[in-house]
Every structure is written in C-alpha cells, then in structure tokens.
Amino acid sequence: MWNHEKQARFDYLRERLGTLTTSERDELDTLYQELYALEAVAHAPAAQHAEQKIATLEQRNRQLAAFLEEREVFLQRVKKTVEELKSEERRLRQQYAGILAQVTLDASSIEVS
C-alpha cells in the first residue's frame, strides 16, 4: 500500500536521481513499479468504461455506415426513377405535340362553306 512514508522516500530518491547508489536506484525502480501498479488498479474502472464506450461507438459507426450505404443505394434508385419519369414526360409531350399538329392540319384542311 502506498503511504506517506513511501511517498516521502520516493520524492527523496527522485531528487537525488543523479547521485543514487545502485541499491537506491533499485529501491526507486521498485517504488516506481509499485506506483505504476497502484495507478493501473486505480484507473482500471475508468479504462474499462472507456473501452466499453469505444466498443459501443464502434458498433454505432458500423450501423451508421451500413445505413449510409443502404441510403445511397436508395438514392440511386430514386435518381433512376426520376430520370425514367422525365423521359416518359418528354415522350408524352412529343406525342401530345404530334397530336396537336395533326389536329391543326386537319382543321386547316376543312373547307368552310
């Protein structure tokens, strides 16, 4: 367990880093390892929560990507349908213009007595 005494010893050894004996360096390394282990334990719940959140976001991203792909296919179908309808409208207008032209020709050939 990390306590005030360990913290004081850790601070002392860190301050003397350039002048430590081999055993003091080993002691400082051991204190670092203990501190890192305690921090890992302390941060584990937050890290686990972050991992779960990331997994959830990745799943949502996959769902959105699939949705966007499906929507793109739908929009392509809509565009194709609109083009087909425009083409049909042009054909009908031409047909109508042809009928009107014929009616005009027929009407002009009728003699009024």
PDB file of N, CA and C in Angstrom:
ATOM      1  N   MET A   1       0.841  -1.180   0.000  1.00  0.00           N
ATOM      2  CA  MET A   1       0.000   0.000   0.000  1.00  0.00           C
ATOM      3  C   MET A   1       0.884   1.240   0.000  1.00  0.00           C
ATOM      4  N   TRP A   2       0.493   2.197  -0.767  1.00  0.00           N
ATOM      5  CA  TRP A   2       1.243   3.453  -0.860  1.00  0.00           C
ATOM      6  C   TRP A   2       0.833   4.337   0.315  1.00  0.00           C
ATOM      7  N   ASN A   3       1.828   4.860   0.995  1.00  0.00           N
ATOM      8  CA  ASN A   3       1.528   5.714   2.145  1.00  0.00           C
ATOM      9  C   ASN A   3       2.441   6.936   2.145  1.00  0.00           C
ATOM     10  N   HIS A   4       2.332   7.744   3.181  1.00  0.00           N
ATOM     11  CA  HIS A   4       3.099   8.984   3.275  1.00  0.00           C
ATOM     12  C   HIS A   4       4.604   8.699   3.316  1.00  0.00           C
ATOM     13  N   GLU A   5       4.995   7.662   4.055  1.00  0.00           N
ATOM     14  CA  GLU A   5       6.419   7.317   4.159  1.00  0.00           C
ATOM     15  C   GLU A   5       6.987   6.926   2.800  1.00  0.00           C
ATOM     16  N   LYS A   6       6.256   6.100   2.054  1.00  0.00           N
ATOM     17  CA  LYS A   6       6.724   5.696   0.720  1.00  0.00           C
ATOM     18  C   LYS A   6       6.799   6.899  -0.207  1.00  0.00           C
ATOM     19  N   GLN A   7       5.817   7.773  -0.108  1.00  0.00           N
ATOM     20  CA  GLN A   7       5.823   8.967  -0.955  1.00  0.00           C
ATOM     21  C   GLN A   7       7.039   9.843  -0.636  1.00  0.00           C
ATOM     22  N   ALA A   8       7.335  10.018   0.647  1.00  0.00           N
ATOM     23  CA  ALA A   8       8.488  10.826   1.052  1.00  0.00           C
ATOM     24  C   ALA A   8       9.786  10.189   0.562  1.00  0.00           C
ATOM     25  N   ARG A   9       9.893   8.875   0.711  1.00  0.00           N
ATOM     26  CA  ARG A   9      11.104   8.174   0.256  1.00  0.00           C
ATOM     27  C   ARG A   9      11.218   8.273  -1.267  1.00  0.00           C
ATOM     28  N   PHE A  10      10.124   8.114  -1.957  1.00  0.00           N
ATOM     29  CA  PHE A  10      10.091   8.222  -3.418  1.00  0.00           C
ATOM     30  C   PHE A  10      10.562   9.615  -3.849  1.00  0.00           C
ATOM     31  N   ASP A  11      10.016  10.641  -3.224  1.00  0.00           N
ATOM     32  CA  ASP A  11      10.400  12.019  -3.561  1.00  0.00           C
ATOM     33  C   ASP A  11      11.888  12.253  -3.292  1.00  0.00           C
ATOM     34  N   TYR A  12      12.375  11.759  -2.154  1.00  0.00           N
ATOM     35  CA  TYR A  12      13.784  11.918  -1.793  1.00  0.00           C
ATOM     36  C   TYR A  12      14.683  11.252  -2.836  1.00  0.00           C
ATOM     37  N   LEU A  13      14.360  10.013  -3.196  1.00  0.00           N
ATOM     38  CA  LEU A  13      15.182   9.291  -4.168  1.00  0.00           C
ATOM     39  C   LEU A  13      15.120   9.945  -5.549  1.00  0.00           C
ATOM     40  N   ARG A  14      13.970  10.438  -5.903  1.00  0.00           N
ATOM     41  CA  ARG A  14      13.836  11.111  -7.206  1.00  0.00           C
ATOM     42  C   ARG A  14      14.688  12.377  -7.256  1.00  0.00           C
ATOM     43  N   GLU A  15      14.716  13.119  -6.168  1.00  0.00           N
ATOM     44  CA  GLU A  15      15.507  14.350  -6.117  1.00  0.00           C
ATOM     45  C   GLU A  15      16.997  14.060  -6.238  1.00  0.00           C
ATOM     46  N   ARG A  16      17.421  12.922  -5.741  1.00  0.00           N
ATOM     47  CA  ARG A  16      18.839  12.557  -5.759  1.00  0.00           C
ATOM     48  C   ARG A  16      19.166  11.630  -6.924  1.00  0.00           C
ATOM     49  N   LEU A  17      18.358  11.614  -7.941  1.00  0.00           N
ATOM     50  CA  LEU A  17      18.459  10.631  -9.024  1.00  0.00           C
ATOM     51  C   LEU A  17      19.873  10.495  -9.577  1.00  0.00           C
ATOM     52  N   GLY A  18      20.568  11.587  -9.799  1.00  0.00           N
ATOM     53  CA  GLY A  18      21.911  11.504 -10.381  1.00  0.00           C
ATOM     54  C   GLY A  18      22.971  10.990  -9.429  1.00  0.00           C
ATOM     55  N   THR A  19      22.695  10.954  -8.145  1.00  0.00           N
ATOM     56  CA  THR A  19      23.713  10.562  -7.162  1.00  0.00           C
ATOM     57  C   THR A  19      23.322   9.317  -6.373  1.00  0.00           C
ATOM     58  N   LEU A  20      22.395   8.557  -6.867  1.00  0.00           N
ATOM     59  CA  LEU A  20      21.920   7.375  -6.138  1.00  0.00           C
ATOM     60  C   LEU A  20      22.918   6.235  -6.229  1.00  0.00           C
ATOM     61  N   THR A  21      22.953   5.457  -5.173  1.00  0.00           N
ATOM     62  CA  THR A  21      23.726   4.221  -5.202  1.00  0.00           C
ATOM     63  C   THR A  21      22.913   3.182  -5.978  1.00  0.00           C
ATOM     64  N   THR A  22      23.535   2.075  -6.275  1.00  0.00           N
ATOM     65  CA  THR A  22      22.845   1.013  -7.005  1.00  0.00           C
ATOM     66  C   THR A  22      21.635   0.518  -6.222  1.00  0.00           C
ATOM     67  N   SER A  23      21.787   0.331  -4.936  1.00  0.00           N
ATOM     68  CA  SER A  23      20.651  -0.162  -4.143  1.00  0.00           C
ATOM     69  C   SER A  23      19.543   0.885  -4.070  1.00  0.00           C
ATOM     70  N   GLU A  24      19.921   2.164  -4.020  1.00  0.00           N
ATOM     71  CA  GLU A  24      18.898   3.211  -4.011  1.00  0.00           C
ATOM     72  C   GLU A  24      18.175   3.278  -5.356  1.00  0.00           C
ATOM     73  N   ARG A  25      18.930   3.085  -6.443  1.00  0.00           N
ATOM     74  CA  ARG A  25      18.290   3.034  -7.777  1.00  0.00           C
ATOM     75  C   ARG A  25      17.313   1.862  -7.855  1.00  0.00           C
ATOM     76  N   ASP A  26      17.734   0.730  -7.334  1.00  0.00           N
ATOM     77  CA  ASP A  26      16.846  -0.440  -7.315  1.00  0.00           C
ATOM     78  C   ASP A  26      15.597  -0.155  -6.481  1.00  0.00           C
ATOM     79  N   GLU A  27      15.808   0.507  -5.351  1.00  0.00           N
ATOM     80  CA  GLU A  27      14.675   0.857  -4.491  1.00  0.00           C
ATOM     81  C   GLU A  27      13.729   1.812  -5.222  1.00  0.00           C
ATOM     82  N   LEU A  28      14.300   2.803  -5.919  1.00  0.00           N
ATOM     83  CA  LEU A  28      13.477   3.753  -6.671  1.00  0.00           C
ATOM     84  C   LEU A  28      12.714   3.034  -7.783  1.00  0.00           C
ATOM     85  N   ASP A  29      13.389   2.110  -8.468  1.00  0.00           N
ATOM     86  CA  ASP A  29      12.710   1.326  -9.512  1.00  0.00           C
ATOM     87  C   ASP A  29      11.545   0.531  -8.926  1.00  0.00           C
ATOM     88  N   THR A  30      11.768  -0.059  -7.761  1.00  0.00           N
ATOM     89  CA  THR A  30      10.710  -0.823  -7.100  1.00  0.00           C
ATOM     90  C   THR A  30       9.544   0.085  -6.730  1.00  0.00           C
ATOM     91  N   LEU A  31       9.859   1.274  -6.215  1.00  0.00           N
ATOM     92  CA  LEU A  31       8.803   2.226  -5.871  1.00  0.00           C
ATOM     93  C   LEU A  31       8.030   2.668  -7.120  1.00  0.00           C
ATOM     94  N   TYR A  32       8.760   2.911  -8.216  1.00  0.00           N
ATOM     95  CA  TYR A  32       8.083   3.260  -9.477  1.00  0.00           C
ATOM     96  C   TYR A  32       7.134   2.140  -9.910  1.00  0.00           C
ATOM     97  N   GLN A  33       7.624   0.911  -9.846  1.00  0.00           N
ATOM     98  CA  GLN A  33       6.786  -0.225 -10.250  1.00  0.00           C
ATOM     99  C   GLN A  33       5.539  -0.328  -9.370  1.00  0.00           C
ATOM    100  N   GLU A  34       5.726  -0.131  -8.084  1.00  0.00           N
ATOM    101  CA  GLU A  34       4.588  -0.191  -7.169  1.00  0.00           C
ATOM    102  C   GLU A  34       3.598   0.934  -7.469  1.00  0.00           C
ATOM    103  N   LEU A  35       4.133   2.130  -7.714  1.00  0.00           N
ATOM    104  CA  LEU A  35       3.271   3.271  -8.022  1.00  0.00           C
ATOM    105  C   LEU A  35       2.510   3.038  -9.330  1.00  0.00           C
ATOM    106  N   TYR A  36       3.204   2.535 -10.349  1.00  0.00           N
ATOM    107  CA  TYR A  36       2.535   2.243 -11.627  1.00  0.00           C
ATOM    108  C   TYR A  36       1.444   1.187 -11.455  1.00  0.00           C
ATOM    109  N   ALA A  37       1.729   0.170 -10.634  1.00  0.00           N
ATOM    110  CA  ALA A  37       0.732  -0.881 -10.404  1.00  0.00           C
ATOM    111  C   ALA A  37      -0.497  -0.314  -9.693  1.00  0.00           C
ATOM    112  N   LEU A  38      -0.261   0.546  -8.704  1.00  0.00           N
ATOM    113  CA  LEU A  38      -1.387   1.169  -7.994  1.00  0.00           C
ATOM    114  C   LEU A  38      -2.201   2.066  -8.926  1.00  0.00           C
ATOM    115  N   GLU A  39      -1.506   2.813  -9.774  1.00  0.00           N
ATOM    116  CA  GLU A  39      -2.216   3.676 -10.728  1.00  0.00           C
ATOM    117  C   GLU A  39      -3.025   2.845 -11.721  1.00  0.00           C
ATOM    118  N   ALA A  40      -2.449   1.723 -12.145  1.00  0.00           N
ATOM    119  CA  ALA A  40      -3.170   0.855 -13.085  1.00  0.00           C
ATOM    120  C   ALA A  40      -4.453   0.327 -12.451  1.00  0.00           C
ATOM    121  N   VAL A  41      -4.361  -0.075 -11.189  1.00  0.00           N
ATOM    122  CA  VAL A  41      -5.545  -0.571 -10.481  1.00  0.00           C
ATOM    123  C   VAL A  41      -6.561   0.555 -10.308  1.00  0.00           C
ATOM    124  N   ALA A  42      -6.055   1.742  -9.954  1.00  0.00           N
ATOM    125  CA  ALA A  42      -6.958   2.877  -9.732  1.00  0.00           C
ATOM    126  C   ALA A  42      -7.650   3.311 -11.019  1.00  0.00           C
ATOM    127  N   HIS A  43      -6.937   3.201 -12.124  1.00  0.00           N
ATOM    128  CA  HIS A  43      -7.504   3.651 -13.400  1.00  0.00           C
ATOM    129  C   HIS A  43      -8.236   2.550 -14.167  1.00  0.00           C
ATOM    130  N   ALA A  44      -8.171   1.334 -13.671  1.00  0.00           N
ATOM    131  CA  ALA A  44      -8.795   0.211 -14.377  1.00  0.00           C
ATOM    132  C   ALA A  44     -10.286   0.415 -14.626  1.00  0.00           C
ATOM    133  N   PRO A  45     -11.076   0.831 -13.639  1.00  0.00           N
ATOM    134  CA  PRO A  45     -12.508   1.021 -13.918  1.00  0.00           C
ATOM    135  C   PRO A  45     -12.761   2.074 -15.003  1.00  0.00           C
ATOM    136  N   ALA A  46     -12.010   3.171 -14.948  1.00  0.00           N
ATOM    137  CA  ALA A  46     -12.186   4.213 -15.967  1.00  0.00           C
ATOM    138  C   ALA A  46     -11.755   3.701 -17.335  1.00  0.00           C
ATOM    139  N   ALA A  47     -10.662   2.942 -17.362  1.00  0.00           N
ATOM    140  CA  ALA A  47     -10.192   2.385 -18.631  1.00  0.00           C
ATOM    141  C   ALA A  47     -11.203   1.386 -19.187  1.00  0.00           C
ATOM    142  N   GLN A  48     -11.762   0.564 -18.305  1.00  0.00           N
ATOM    143  CA  GLN A  48     -12.768  -0.408 -18.739  1.00  0.00           C
ATOM    144  C   GLN A  48     -14.009   0.313 -19.264  1.00  0.00           C
ATOM    145  N   HIS A  49     -14.423   1.358 -18.569  1.00  0.00           N
ATOM    146  CA  HIS A  49     -15.576   2.148 -19.018  1.00  0.00           C
ATOM    147  C   HIS A  49     -15.288   2.772 -20.387  1.00  0.00           C
ATOM    148  N   ALA A  50     -14.082   3.297 -20.550  1.00  0.00           N
ATOM    149  CA  ALA A  50     -13.708   3.905 -21.835  1.00  0.00           C
ATOM    150  C   ALA A  50     -13.709   2.851 -22.941  1.00  0.00           C
ATOM    151  N   GLU A  51     -13.200   1.663 -22.646  1.00  0.00           N
ATOM    152  CA  GLU A  51     -13.193   0.584 -23.638  1.00  0.00           C
ATOM    153  C   GLU A  51     -14.613   0.198 -24.037  1.00  0.00           C
ATOM    154  N   GLN A  52     -15.515   0.123 -23.055  1.00  0.00           N
ATOM    155  CA  GLN A  52     -16.913  -0.202 -23.354  1.00  0.00           C
ATOM    156  C   GLN A  52     -17.550   0.889 -24.206  1.00  0.00           C
ATOM    157  N   LYS A  53     -17.246   2.129 -23.870  1.00  0.00           N
ATOM    158  CA  LYS A  53     -17.802   3.249 -24.625  1.00  0.00           C
ATOM    159  C   LYS A  53     -17.274   3.227 -26.068  1.00  0.00           C
ATOM    160  N   ILE A  54     -15.983   2.946 -26.218  1.00  0.00           N
ATOM    161  CA  ILE A  54     -15.388   2.855 -27.550  1.00  0.00           C
ATOM    162  C   ILE A  54     -16.047   1.729 -28.341  1.00  0.00           C
ATOM    163  N   ALA A  55     -16.247   0.581 -27.709  1.00  0.00           N
ATOM    164  CA  ALA A  55     -16.894  -0.547 -28.392  1.00  0.00           C
ATOM    165  C   ALA A  55     -18.306  -0.174 -28.829  1.00  0.00           C
ATOM    166  N   THR A  56     -19.030   0.531 -27.962  1.00  0.00           N
ATOM    167  CA  THR A  56     -20.386   0.972 -28.310  1.00  0.00           C
ATOM    168  C   THR A  56     -20.349   1.939 -29.486  1.00  0.00           C
ATOM    169  N   LEU A  57     -19.426   2.884 -29.446  1.00  0.00           N
ATOM    170  CA  LEU A  57     -19.312   3.860 -30.539  1.00  0.00           C
ATOM    171  C   LEU A  57     -18.902   3.191 -31.849  1.00  0.00           C
ATOM    172  N   GLU A  58     -18.008   2.218 -31.767  1.00  0.00           N
ATOM    173  CA  GLU A  58     -17.607   1.497 -32.977  1.00  0.00           C
ATOM    174  C   GLU A  58     -18.796   0.745 -33.571  1.00  0.00           C
ATOM    175  N   GLN A  59     -19.616   0.134 -32.709  1.00  0.00           N
ATOM    176  CA  GLN A  59     -20.817  -0.562 -33.180  1.00  0.00           C
ATOM    177  C   GLN A  59     -21.767   0.423 -33.852  1.00  0.00           C
ATOM    178  N   ARG A  60     -21.964   1.587 -33.242  1.00  0.00           N
ATOM    179  CA  ARG A  60     -22.841   2.602 -33.841  1.00  0.00           C
ATOM    180  C   ARG A  60     -22.277   3.091 -35.169  1.00  0.00           C
ATOM    181  N   ASN A  61     -20.968   3.234 -35.239  1.00  0.00           N
ATOM    182  CA  ASN A  61     -20.348   3.649 -36.501  1.00  0.00           C
ATOM    183  C   ASN A  61     -20.595   2.615 -37.594  1.00  0.00           C
ATOM    184  N   ARG A  62     -20.503   1.335 -37.233  1.00  0.00           N
ATOM    185  CA  ARG A  62     -20.782   0.287 -38.227  1.00  0.00           C
ATOM    186  C   ARG A  62     -22.239   0.352 -38.673  1.00  0.00           C
ATOM    187  N   GLN A  63     -23.144   0.580 -37.716  1.00  0.00           N
ATOM    188  CA  GLN A  63     -24.564   0.695 -38.065  1.00  0.00           C
ATOM    189  C   GLN A  63     -24.798   1.897 -38.982  1.00  0.00           C
ATOM    190  N   LEU A  64     -24.173   3.011 -38.661  1.00  0.00           N
ATOM    191  CA  LEU A  64     -24.329   4.208 -39.499  1.00  0.00           C
ATOM    192  C   LEU A  64     -23.748   3.990 -40.890  1.00  0.00           C
ATOM    193  N   ALA A  65     -22.612   3.325 -40.969  1.00  0.00           N
ATOM    194  CA  ALA A  65     -22.005   3.049 -42.270  1.00  0.00           C
ATOM    195  C   ALA A  65     -22.929   2.172 -43.109  1.00  0.00           C
ATOM    196  N   ALA A  66     -23.521   1.158 -42.493  1.00  0.00           N
ATOM    197  CA  ALA A  66     -24.459   0.289 -43.215  1.00  0.00           C
ATOM    198  C   ALA A  66     -25.684   1.081 -43.649  1.00  0.00           C
ATOM    199  N   PHE A  67     -26.195   1.940 -42.759  1.00  0.00           N
ATOM    200  CA  PHE A  67     -27.337   2.780 -43.107  1.00  0.00           C
ATOM    201  C   PHE A  67     -27.009   3.692 -44.283  1.00  0.00           C
ATOM    202  N   LEU A  68     -25.849   4.335 -44.236  1.00  0.00           N
ATOM    203  CA  LEU A  68     -25.472   5.256 -45.315  1.00  0.00           C
ATOM    204  C   LEU A  68     -25.320   4.524 -46.647  1.00  0.00           C
ATOM    205  N   GLU A  69     -24.795   3.326 -46.592  1.00  0.00           N
ATOM    206  CA  GLU A  69     -24.672   2.526 -47.812  1.00  0.00           C
ATOM    207  C   GLU A  69     -26.061   2.195 -48.370  1.00  0.00           C
ATOM    208  N   GLU A  70     -26.964   1.774 -47.492  1.00  0.00           N
ATOM    209  CA  GLU A  70     -28.333   1.459 -47.914  1.00  0.00           C
ATOM    210  C   GLU A  70     -29.025   2.708 -48.463  1.00  0.00           C
ATOM    211  N   ARG A  71     -28.815   3.836 -47.803  1.00  0.00           N
ATOM    212  CA  ARG A  71     -29.424   5.097 -48.256  1.00  0.00           C
ATOM    213  C   ARG A  71     -28.878   5.500 -49.619  1.00  0.00           C
ATOM    214  N   GLU A  72     -27.602   5.299 -49.848  1.00  0.00           N
ATOM    215  CA  GLU A  72     -27.003   5.637 -51.142  1.00  0.00           C
ATOM    216  C   GLU A  72     -27.623   4.790 -52.251  1.00  0.00           C
ATOM    217  N   VAL A  73     -27.821   3.511 -51.990  1.00  0.00           N
ATOM    218  CA  VAL A  73     -28.481   2.636 -52.967  1.00  0.00           C
ATOM    219  C   VAL A  73     -29.896   3.142 -53.235  1.00  0.00           C
ATOM    220  N   PHE A  74     -30.610   3.518 -52.174  1.00  0.00           N
ATOM    221  CA  PHE A  74     -31.961   4.056 -52.319  1.00  0.00           C
ATOM    222  C   PHE A  74     -31.952   5.322 -53.172  1.00  0.00           C
ATOM    223  N   LEU A  75     -31.035   6.237 -52.891  1.00  0.00           N
ATOM    224  CA  LEU A  75     -30.978   7.489 -53.651  1.00  0.00           C
ATOM    225  C   LEU A  75     -30.655   7.238 -55.125  1.00  0.00           C
ATOM    226  N   GLN A  76     -29.829   6.256 -55.396  1.00  0.00           N
ATOM    227  CA  GLN A  76     -29.544   5.913 -56.792  1.00  0.00           C
ATOM    228  C   GLN A  76     -30.807   5.407 -57.485  1.00  0.00           C
ATOM    229  N   ARG A  77     -31.602   4.612 -56.763  1.00  0.00           N
ATOM    230  CA  ARG A  77     -32.876   4.150 -57.329  1.00  0.00           C
ATOM    231  C   ARG A  77     -33.812   5.324 -57.576  1.00  0.00           C
ATOM    232  N   VAL A  78     -33.863   6.266 -56.641  1.00  0.00           N
ATOM    233  CA  VAL A  78     -34.714   7.451 -56.801  1.00  0.00           C
ATOM    234  C   VAL A  78     -34.274   8.238 -58.030  1.00  0.00           C
ATOM    235  N   LYS A  79     -32.971   8.457 -58.175  1.00  0.00           N
ATOM    236  CA  LYS A  79     -32.460   9.207 -59.334  1.00  0.00           C
ATOM    237  C   LYS A  79     -32.829   8.503 -60.638  1.00  0.00           C
ATOM    238  N   LYS A  80     -32.672   7.187 -60.656  1.00  0.00           N
ATOM    239  CA  LYS A  80     -33.006   6.426 -61.860  1.00  0.00           C
ATOM    240  C   LYS A  80     -34.494   6.558 -62.169  1.00  0.00           C
ATOM    241  N   THR A  81     -35.321   6.445 -61.134  1.00  0.00           N
ATOM    242  CA  THR A  81     -36.769   6.568 -61.322  1.00  0.00           C
ATOM    243  C   THR A  81     -37.130   7.953 -61.834  1.00  0.00           C
ATOM    244  N   VAL A  82     -36.524   8.989 -61.276  1.00  0.00           N
ATOM    245  CA  VAL A  82     -36.792  10.362 -61.725  1.00  0.00           C
ATOM    246  C   VAL A  82     -36.396  10.518 -63.191  1.00  0.00           C
ATOM    247  N   GLU A  83     -35.249   9.988 -63.572  1.00  0.00           N
ATOM    248  CA  GLU A  83     -34.820  10.074 -64.972  1.00  0.00           C
ATOM    249  C   GLU A  83     -35.797   9.336 -65.891  1.00  0.00           C
ATOM    250  N   GLU A  84     -36.261   8.176 -65.451  1.00  0.00           N
ATOM    251  CA  GLU A  84     -37.242   7.433 -66.245  1.00  0.00           C
ATOM    252  C   GLU A  84     -38.538   8.234 -66.389  1.00  0.00           C
ATOM    253  N   LEU A  85     -38.975   8.866 -65.308  1.00  0.00           N
ATOM    254  CA  LEU A  85     -40.199   9.676 -65.365  1.00  0.00           C
ATOM    255  C   LEU A  85     -40.018  10.900 -66.259  1.00  0.00           C
ATOM    256  N   LYS A  86     -38.860  11.520 -66.196  1.00  0.00           N
ATOM    257  CA  LYS A  86     -38.590  12.666 -67.075  1.00  0.00           C
ATOM    258  C   LYS A  86     -38.611  12.232 -68.538  1.00  0.00           C
ATOM    259  N   SER A  87     -38.020  11.090 -68.806  1.00  0.00           N
ATOM    260  CA  SER A  87     -38.008  10.567 -70.170  1.00  0.00           C
ATOM    261  C   SER A  87     -39.429  10.284 -70.650  1.00  0.00           C
ATOM    262  N   GLU A  88     -40.221   9.683 -69.779  1.00  0.00           N
ATOM    263  CA  GLU A  88     -41.617   9.399 -70.120  1.00  0.00           C
ATOM    264  C   GLU A  88     -42.386  10.697 -70.349  1.00  0.00           C
ATOM    265  N   GLU A  89     -42.131  11.712 -69.527  1.00  0.00           N
ATOM    266  CA  GLU A  89     -42.792  13.014 -69.698  1.00  0.00           C
ATOM    267  C   GLU A  89     -42.426  13.634 -71.050  1.00  0.00           C
ATOM    268  N   ARG A  90     -41.136  13.557 -71.436  1.00  0.00           N
ATOM    269  CA  ARG A  90     -40.723  14.089 -72.751  1.00  0.00           C
ATOM    270  C   ARG A  90     -41.445  13.357 -73.882  1.00  0.00           C
ATOM    271  N   ARG A  91     -41.525  12.028 -73.754  1.00  0.00           N
ATOM    272  CA  ARG A  91     -42.201  11.236 -74.781  1.00  0.00           C
ATOM    273  C   ARG A  91     -43.670  11.641 -74.882  1.00  0.00           C
ATOM    274  N   LEU A  92     -44.325  11.801 -73.730  1.00  0.00           N
ATOM    275  CA  LEU A  92     -45.741  12.189 -73.745  1.00  0.00           C
ATOM    276  C   LEU A  92     -45.936  13.593 -74.329  1.00  0.00           C
ATOM    277  N   ARG A  93     -45.034  14.507 -74.021  1.00  0.00           N
ATOM    278  CA  ARG A  93     -45.136  15.866 -74.582  1.00  0.00           C
ATOM    279  C   ARG A  93     -44.980  15.832 -76.108  1.00  0.00           C
ATOM    280  N   GLN A  94     -44.023  15.009 -76.552  1.00  0.00           N
ATOM    281  CA  GLN A  94     -43.837  14.883 -78.004  1.00  0.00           C
ATOM    282  C   GLN A  94     -45.077  14.272 -78.654  1.00  0.00           C
ATOM    283  N   GLN A  95     -45.628  13.268 -78.008  1.00  0.00           N
ATOM    284  CA  GLN A  95     -46.841  12.642 -78.527  1.00  0.00           C
ATOM    285  C   GLN A  95     -47.970  13.676 -78.583  1.00  0.00           C
ATOM    286  N   TYR A  96     -48.126  14.451 -77.526  1.00  0.00           N
ATOM    287  CA  TYR A  96     -49.157  15.488 -77.474  1.00  0.00           C
ATOM    288  C   TYR A  96     -48.932  16.526 -78.571  1.00  0.00           C
ATOM    289  N   ALA A  97     -47.680  16.955 -78.743  1.00  0.00           N
ATOM    290  CA  ALA A  97     -47.368  17.941 -79.787  1.00  0.00           C
ATOM    291  C   ALA A  97     -47.703  17.378 -81.165  1.00  0.00           C
ATOM    292  N   GLY A  98     -47.423  16.100 -81.357  1.00  0.00           N
ATOM    293  CA  GLY A  98     -47.753  15.472 -82.639  1.00  0.00           C
ATOM    294  C   GLY A  98     -49.252  15.437 -82.884  1.00  0.00           C
ATOM    295  N   ILE A  99     -50.007  15.122 -81.840  1.00  0.00           N
ATOM    296  CA  ILE A  99     -51.472  15.090 -81.964  1.00  0.00           C
ATOM    297  C   ILE A  99     -51.996  16.483 -82.269  1.00  0.00           C
ATOM    298  N   LEU A 100     -51.501  17.497 -81.563  1.00  0.00           N
ATOM    299  CA  LEU A 100     -51.943  18.876 -81.816  1.00  0.00           C
ATOM    300  C   LEU A 100     -51.593  19.316 -83.228  1.00  0.00           C
ATOM    301  N   ALA A 101     -50.427  18.937 -83.696  1.00  0.00           N
ATOM    302  CA  ALA A 101     -50.031  19.301 -85.059  1.00  0.00           C
ATOM    303  C   ALA A 101     -50.970  18.653 -86.064  1.00  0.00           C
ATOM    304  N   GLN A 102     -51.325  17.413 -85.813  1.00  0.00           N
ATOM    305  CA  GLN A 102     -52.240  16.707 -86.719  1.00  0.00           C
ATOM    306  C   GLN A 102     -53.623  17.355 -86.694  1.00  0.00           C
ATOM    307  N   VAL A 103     -54.099  17.714 -85.497  1.00  0.00           N
ATOM    308  CA  VAL A 103     -55.403  18.371 -85.376  1.00  0.00           C
ATOM    309  C   VAL A 103     -55.376  19.693 -86.127  1.00  0.00           C
ATOM    310  N   THR A 104     -54.297  20.428 -86.010  1.00  0.00           N
ATOM    311  CA  THR A 104     -54.171  21.714 -86.707  1.00  0.00           C
ATOM    312  C   THR A 104     -54.203  21.510 -88.210  1.00  0.00           C
ATOM    313  N   LEU A 105     -53.494  20.489 -88.692  1.00  0.00           N
ATOM    314  CA  LEU A 105     -53.507  20.198 -90.132  1.00  0.00           C
ATOM    315  C   LEU A 105     -54.903  19.797 -90.585  1.00  0.00           C
ATOM    316  N   ASP A 106     -55.548  18.951 -89.800  1.00  0.00           N
ATOM    317  CA  ASP A 106     -56.896  18.507 -90.153  1.00  0.00           C
ATOM    318  C   ASP A 106     -57.859  19.689 -90.165  1.00  0.00           C
ATOM    319  N   ALA A 107     -57.741  20.564 -89.192  1.00  0.00           N
ATOM    320  CA  ALA A 107     -58.642  21.716 -89.102  1.00  0.00           C
ATOM    321  C   ALA A 107     -58.410  22.677 -90.255  1.00  0.00           C
ATOM    322  N   SER A 108     -57.186  22.812 -90.689  1.00  0.00           N
ATOM    323  CA  SER A 108     -56.917  23.752 -91.782  1.00  0.00           C
ATOM    324  C   SER A 108     -57.364  23.198 -93.126  1.00  0.00           C
ATOM    325  N   SER A 109     -57.539  21.900 -93.206  1.00  0.00           N
ATOM    326  CA  SER A 109     -57.973  21.319 -94.477  1.00  0.00           C
ATOM    327  C   SER A 109     -59.487  21.258 -94.609  1.00  0.00           C
ATOM    328  N   ILE A 110     -60.194  21.612 -93.575  1.00  0.00           N
ATOM    329  CA  ILE A 110     -61.659  21.615 -93.631  1.00  0.00           C
ATOM    330  C   ILE A 110     -62.097  22.897 -94.308  1.00  0.00           C
ATOM    331  N   GLU A 111     -62.942  22.744 -95.297  1.00  0.00           N
ATOM    332  CA  GLU A 111     -63.464  23.915 -96.008  1.00  0.00           C
ATOM    333  C   GLU A 111     -64.725  24.379 -95.337  1.00  0.00           C
ATOM    334  N   VAL A 112     -64.790  25.627 -95.136  1.00  0.00           N
ATOM    335  CA  VAL A 112     -65.976  26.213 -94.538  1.00  0.00           C
ATOM    336  C   VAL A 112     -66.828  26.746 -95.671  1.00  0.00           C
ATOM    337  N   SER A 113     -68.100  26.369 -95.774  1.00  0.00           N
ATOM    338  CA  SER A 113     -68.975  26.798 -96.859  1.00  0.00           C
ATOM    339  C   SER A 113     -69.774  27.991 -96.493  1.00  0.00           C
TER     340      SER A 113
END
